[in-house]
Every structure is written in C-alpha cells, then in structure tokens.
C-alpha cells in the first residue's frame, strides 16, 4: 500500500467543527505539522473533506 504525507498549510480557525475533527483524527495538531498514513480509501476520503487546508505528497 502506498504512503502519503499530509501537511496542514491553512489555519483551522473559523472552519466547521467536522473539519477540525477530521484534522484531529488524522493526527494533525498545528499549522505546518506533517503526518504519514497509508493511502487507504478511508484516509483518502478524510483528506478529500479537508483538501483546501492540507497539502498531500506521495512517499
């Protein structure tokens, strides 16, 4: 399974609560924080909900 690196590039301030919870579920805590996950359908769906807040890179 491929791995992806997810980096938060925009602030969570003023965003809906479900988007904040999605960032928390992915393990992203603050601006410019990066996490690595397997590219499963569940993770890709979560990333799709917050694609305007994050940058995604294949590893």
PDB file of N, CA and C in Angstrom:
ATOM      1  N   UNK A   1       0.846  -1.181   0.000  1.00  0.00           N
ATOM      2  CA  UNK A   1       0.000   0.000   0.000  1.00  0.00           C
ATOM      3  C   UNK A   1       0.892   1.244   0.000  1.00  0.00           C
ATOM      4  N   UNK A   2       0.520   2.219  -0.783  1.00  0.00           N
ATOM      5  CA  UNK A   2       1.283   3.466  -0.883  1.00  0.00           C
ATOM      6  C   UNK A   2       1.111   4.300   0.384  1.00  0.00           C
ATOM      7  N   UNK A   3       2.114   5.099   0.679  1.00  0.00           N
ATOM      8  CA  UNK A   3       2.049   6.007   1.825  1.00  0.00           C
ATOM      9  C   UNK A   3       1.940   7.432   1.309  1.00  0.00           C
ATOM     10  N   UNK A   4       1.252   8.258   2.090  1.00  0.00           N
ATOM     11  CA  UNK A   4       1.120   9.674   1.763  1.00  0.00           C
ATOM     12  C   UNK A   4       1.535  10.505   2.963  1.00  0.00           C
ATOM     13  N   UNK A   5       2.067  11.698   2.694  1.00  0.00           N
ATOM     14  CA  UNK A   5       2.400  12.662   3.744  1.00  0.00           C
ATOM     15  C   UNK A   5       1.389  13.800   3.640  1.00  0.00           C
ATOM     16  N   UNK A   6       0.738  14.101   4.755  1.00  0.00           N
ATOM     17  CA  UNK A   6      -0.288  15.136   4.801  1.00  0.00           C
ATOM     18  C   UNK A   6       0.238  16.269   5.671  1.00  0.00           C
ATOM     19  N   UNK A   7       0.259  17.488   5.124  1.00  0.00           N
ATOM     20  CA  UNK A   7       0.762  18.663   5.835  1.00  0.00           C
ATOM     21  C   UNK A   7      -0.314  19.734   5.854  1.00  0.00           C
ATOM     22  N   UNK A   8      -0.597  20.276   7.036  1.00  0.00           N
ATOM     23  CA  UNK A   8      -1.576  21.352   7.145  1.00  0.00           C
ATOM     24  C   UNK A   8      -0.916  22.649   6.685  1.00  0.00           C
ATOM     25  N   UNK A   9      -1.565  23.348   5.736  1.00  0.00           N
ATOM     26  CA  UNK A   9      -0.998  24.585   5.202  1.00  0.00           C
ATOM     27  C   UNK A   9      -1.893  25.798   5.438  1.00  0.00           C
ATOM     28  N   UNK A  10      -3.145  25.580   5.869  1.00  0.00           N
ATOM     29  CA  UNK A  10      -4.044  26.694   6.198  1.00  0.00           C
ATOM     30  C   UNK A  10      -4.594  26.475   7.599  1.00  0.00           C
ATOM     31  N   UNK A  11      -4.952  27.562   8.252  1.00  0.00           N
ATOM     32  CA  UNK A  11      -5.420  27.527   9.626  1.00  0.00           C
ATOM     33  C   UNK A  11      -6.785  26.860   9.744  1.00  0.00           C
ATOM     34  N   UNK A  12      -7.016  26.230  10.907  1.00  0.00           N
ATOM     35  CA  UNK A  12      -8.311  25.627  11.206  1.00  0.00           C
ATOM     36  C   UNK A  12      -9.270  26.628  11.849  1.00  0.00           C
ATOM     37  N   UNK A  13      -8.788  27.826  12.173  1.00  0.00           N
ATOM     38  CA  UNK A  13      -9.616  28.822  12.837  1.00  0.00           C
ATOM     39  C   UNK A  13     -10.750  29.246  11.908  1.00  0.00           C
ATOM     40  N   UNK A  14     -11.965  29.220  12.428  1.00  0.00           N
ATOM     41  CA  UNK A  14     -13.128  29.645  11.660  1.00  0.00           C
ATOM     42  C   UNK A  14     -13.707  28.575  10.754  1.00  0.00           C
ATOM     43  N   UNK A  15     -13.141  27.377  10.775  1.00  0.00           N
ATOM     44  CA  UNK A  15     -13.640  26.284   9.935  1.00  0.00           C
ATOM     45  C   UNK A  15     -14.702  25.502  10.699  1.00  0.00           C
ATOM     46  N   UNK A  16     -15.572  24.774   9.979  1.00  0.00           N
ATOM     47  CA  UNK A  16     -16.615  23.982  10.646  1.00  0.00           C
ATOM     48  C   UNK A  16     -16.022  22.917  11.571  1.00  0.00           C
ATOM     49  N   UNK A  17     -16.787  22.551  12.573  1.00  0.00           N
ATOM     50  CA  UNK A  17     -16.328  21.595  13.585  1.00  0.00           C
ATOM     51  C   UNK A  17     -15.971  20.240  12.969  1.00  0.00           C
ATOM     52  N   UNK A  18     -16.708  19.800  11.944  1.00  0.00           N
ATOM     53  CA  UNK A  18     -16.396  18.488  11.361  1.00  0.00           C
ATOM     54  C   UNK A  18     -15.032  18.494  10.668  1.00  0.00           C
ATOM     55  N   UNK A  19     -14.605  19.626  10.124  1.00  0.00           N
ATOM     56  CA  UNK A  19     -13.286  19.708   9.509  1.00  0.00           C
ATOM     57  C   UNK A  19     -12.191  19.712  10.582  1.00  0.00           C
ATOM     58  N   UNK A  20     -12.447  20.351  11.704  1.00  0.00           N
ATOM     59  CA  UNK A  20     -11.492  20.338  12.813  1.00  0.00           C
ATOM     60  C   UNK A  20     -11.328  18.921  13.358  1.00  0.00           C
ATOM     61  N   UNK A  21     -12.446  18.191  13.473  1.00  0.00           N
ATOM     62  CA  UNK A  21     -12.386  16.812  13.958  1.00  0.00           C
ATOM     63  C   UNK A  21     -11.650  15.907  12.982  1.00  0.00           C
ATOM     64  N   UNK A  22     -11.795  16.172  11.690  1.00  0.00           N
ATOM     65  CA  UNK A  22     -11.083  15.386  10.683  1.00  0.00           C
ATOM     66  C   UNK A  22      -9.581  15.604  10.804  1.00  0.00           C
ATOM     67  N   UNK A  23      -9.153  16.850  11.001  1.00  0.00           N
ATOM     68  CA  UNK A  23      -7.730  17.121  11.219  1.00  0.00           C
ATOM     69  C   UNK A  23      -7.224  16.392  12.463  1.00  0.00           C
ATOM     70  N   UNK A  24      -8.011  16.414  13.541  1.00  0.00           N
ATOM     71  CA  UNK A  24      -7.628  15.726  14.770  1.00  0.00           C
ATOM     72  C   UNK A  24      -7.524  14.225  14.545  1.00  0.00           C
ATOM     73  N   UNK A  25      -8.464  13.649  13.800  1.00  0.00           N
ATOM     74  CA  UNK A  25      -8.470  12.216  13.545  1.00  0.00           C
ATOM     75  C   UNK A  25      -7.257  11.785  12.719  1.00  0.00           C
ATOM     76  N   UNK A  26      -6.791  12.666  11.860  1.00  0.00           N
ATOM     77  CA  UNK A  26      -5.598  12.362  11.074  1.00  0.00           C
ATOM     78  C   UNK A  26      -4.315  12.552  11.880  1.00  0.00           C
ATOM     79  N   UNK A  27      -4.416  13.197  13.033  1.00  0.00           N
ATOM     80  CA  UNK A  27      -3.246  13.409  13.883  1.00  0.00           C
ATOM     81  C   UNK A  27      -2.525  14.712  13.614  1.00  0.00           C
ATOM     82  N   UNK A  28      -3.177  15.619  12.885  1.00  0.00           N
ATOM     83  CA  UNK A  28      -2.575  16.911  12.578  1.00  0.00           C
ATOM     84  C   UNK A  28      -2.928  17.881  13.692  1.00  0.00           C
ATOM     85  N   UNK A  29      -1.905  18.426  14.362  1.00  0.00           N
ATOM     86  CA  UNK A  29      -2.141  19.236  15.551  1.00  0.00           C
ATOM     87  C   UNK A  29      -2.020  20.734  15.337  1.00  0.00           C
ATOM     88  N   UNK A  30      -1.121  21.151  14.435  1.00  0.00           N
ATOM     89  CA  UNK A  30      -0.919  22.582  14.254  1.00  0.00           C
ATOM     90  C   UNK A  30      -0.470  22.869  12.832  1.00  0.00           C
ATOM     91  N   UNK A  31      -0.406  24.130  12.496  1.00  0.00           N
ATOM     92  CA  UNK A  31      -0.015  24.565  11.162  1.00  0.00           C
ATOM     93  C   UNK A  31       1.380  24.064  10.816  1.00  0.00           C
ATOM     94  N   UNK A  32       1.567  23.604   9.596  1.00  0.00           N
ATOM     95  CA  UNK A  32       2.820  23.045   9.073  1.00  0.00           C
ATOM     96  C   UNK A  32       3.216  21.723   9.711  1.00  0.00           C
ATOM     97  N   UNK A  33       2.315  21.089  10.455  1.00  0.00           N
ATOM     98  CA  UNK A  33       2.572  19.773  11.026  1.00  0.00           C
ATOM     99  C   UNK A  33       2.290  18.722   9.962  1.00  0.00           C
ATOM    100  N   UNK A  34       3.163  17.723   9.851  1.00  0.00           N
ATOM    101  CA  UNK A  34       3.007  16.664   8.853  1.00  0.00           C
ATOM    102  C   UNK A  34       2.816  15.316   9.530  1.00  0.00           C
ATOM    103  N   UNK A  35       2.015  14.465   8.910  1.00  0.00           N
ATOM    104  CA  UNK A  35       1.836  13.087   9.352  1.00  0.00           C
ATOM    105  C   UNK A  35       1.900  12.190   8.127  1.00  0.00           C
ATOM    106  N   UNK A  36       2.242  10.930   8.351  1.00  0.00           N
ATOM    107  CA  UNK A  36       2.285   9.953   7.269  1.00  0.00           C
ATOM    108  C   UNK A  36       1.261   8.871   7.551  1.00  0.00           C
ATOM    109  N   UNK A  37       0.510   8.496   6.513  1.00  0.00           N
ATOM    110  CA  UNK A  37      -0.513   7.458   6.612  1.00  0.00           C
ATOM    111  C   UNK A  37      -0.466   6.588   5.372  1.00  0.00           C
ATOM    112  N   UNK A  38      -1.009   5.379   5.505  1.00  0.00           N
ATOM    113  CA  UNK A  38      -1.230   4.535   4.338  1.00  0.00           C
ATOM    114  C   UNK A  38      -2.356   5.157   3.520  1.00  0.00           C
ATOM    115  N   UNK A  39      -2.292   5.007   2.209  1.00  0.00           N
ATOM    116  CA  UNK A  39      -3.294   5.611   1.319  1.00  0.00           C
ATOM    117  C   UNK A  39      -4.500   4.679   1.177  1.00  0.00           C
ATOM    118  N   UNK A  40      -5.230   4.486   2.283  1.00  0.00           N
ATOM    119  CA  UNK A  40      -6.433   3.660   2.250  1.00  0.00           C
ATOM    120  C   UNK A  40      -7.618   4.513   1.801  1.00  0.00           C
ATOM    121  N   UNK A  41      -8.697   3.891   1.373  1.00  0.00           N
ATOM    122  CA  UNK A  41      -9.878   4.668   0.980  1.00  0.00           C
ATOM    123  C   UNK A  41     -10.416   5.552   2.109  1.00  0.00           C
ATOM    124  N   UNK A  42     -10.322   5.077   3.351  1.00  0.00           N
ATOM    125  CA  UNK A  42     -10.814   5.865   4.482  1.00  0.00           C
ATOM    126  C   UNK A  42      -9.982   7.133   4.667  1.00  0.00           C
ATOM    127  N   UNK A  43      -8.662   7.011   4.602  1.00  0.00           N
ATOM    128  CA  UNK A  43      -7.782   8.166   4.765  1.00  0.00           C
ATOM    129  C   UNK A  43      -7.955   9.127   3.599  1.00  0.00           C
ATOM    130  N   UNK A  44      -8.042   8.605   2.380  1.00  0.00           N
ATOM    131  CA  UNK A  44      -8.210   9.469   1.212  1.00  0.00           C
ATOM    132  C   UNK A  44      -9.538  10.217   1.263  1.00  0.00           C
ATOM    133  N   UNK A  45     -10.583   9.600   1.806  1.00  0.00           N
ATOM    134  CA  UNK A  45     -11.864  10.285   1.972  1.00  0.00           C
ATOM    135  C   UNK A  45     -11.769  11.410   2.985  1.00  0.00           C
ATOM    136  N   UNK A  46     -11.032  11.184   4.067  1.00  0.00           N
ATOM    137  CA  UNK A  46     -10.841  12.229   5.071  1.00  0.00           C
ATOM    138  C   UNK A  46     -10.050  13.392   4.484  1.00  0.00           C
ATOM    139  N   UNK A  47      -9.015  13.073   3.713  1.00  0.00           N
ATOM    140  CA  UNK A  47      -8.203  14.113   3.080  1.00  0.00           C
ATOM    141  C   UNK A  47      -9.051  14.920   2.098  1.00  0.00           C
ATOM    142  N   UNK A  48      -9.948  14.245   1.392  1.00  0.00           N
ATOM    143  CA  UNK A  48     -10.802  14.926   0.414  1.00  0.00           C
ATOM    144  C   UNK A  48     -11.707  15.962   1.084  1.00  0.00           C
ATOM    145  N   UNK A  49     -12.135  15.698   2.330  1.00  0.00           N
ATOM    146  CA  UNK A  49     -13.001  16.643   3.046  1.00  0.00           C
ATOM    147  C   UNK A  49     -12.260  17.913   3.457  1.00  0.00           C
ATOM    148  N   UNK A  50     -10.938  17.812   3.606  1.00  0.00           N
ATOM    149  CA  UNK A  50     -10.160  18.969   4.069  1.00  0.00           C
ATOM    150  C   UNK A  50      -9.069  19.341   3.074  1.00  0.00           C
ATOM    151  N   UNK A  51      -9.282  19.049   1.814  1.00  0.00           N
ATOM    152  CA  UNK A  51      -8.244  19.274   0.795  1.00  0.00           C
ATOM    153  C   UNK A  51      -7.857  20.741   0.658  1.00  0.00           C
ATOM    154  N   UNK A  52      -8.725  21.667   1.073  1.00  0.00           N
ATOM    155  CA  UNK A  52      -8.404  23.090   0.997  1.00  0.00           C
ATOM    156  C   UNK A  52      -7.511  23.540   2.155  1.00  0.00           C
ATOM    157  N   UNK A  53      -7.294  22.669   3.149  1.00  0.00           N
ATOM    158  CA  UNK A  53      -6.474  23.003   4.316  1.00  0.00           C
ATOM    159  C   UNK A  53      -5.122  22.307   4.316  1.00  0.00           C
ATOM    160  N   UNK A  54      -4.953  21.290   3.471  1.00  0.00           N
ATOM    161  CA  UNK A  54      -3.756  20.454   3.541  1.00  0.00           C
ATOM    162  C   UNK A  54      -3.065  20.317   2.196  1.00  0.00           C
ATOM    163  N   UNK A  55      -1.805  19.884   2.262  1.00  0.00           N
ATOM    164  CA  UNK A  55      -1.038  19.517   1.061  1.00  0.00           C
ATOM    165  C   UNK A  55      -0.715  18.036   1.198  1.00  0.00           C
ATOM    166  N   UNK A  56      -0.891  17.279   0.119  1.00  0.00           N
ATOM    167  CA  UNK A  56      -0.684  15.842   0.146  1.00  0.00           C
ATOM    168  C   UNK A  56       0.445  15.486  -0.817  1.00  0.00           C
ATOM    169  N   UNK A  57       1.385  14.653  -0.321  1.00  0.00           N
ATOM    170  CA  UNK A  57       2.508  14.203  -1.137  1.00  0.00           C
ATOM    171  C   UNK A  57       2.578  12.681  -1.082  1.00  0.00           C
ATOM    172  N   UNK A  58       2.882  12.053  -2.203  1.00  0.00           N
ATOM    173  CA  UNK A  58       3.153  10.616  -2.212  1.00  0.00           C
ATOM    174  C   UNK A  58       4.573  10.384  -1.722  1.00  0.00           C
ATOM    175  N   UNK A  59       4.749   9.294  -0.979  1.00  0.00           N
ATOM    176  CA  UNK A  59       6.086   8.966  -0.462  1.00  0.00           C
ATOM    177  C   UNK A  59       6.602   7.737  -1.205  1.00  0.00           C
TER     178      UNK A  59
END
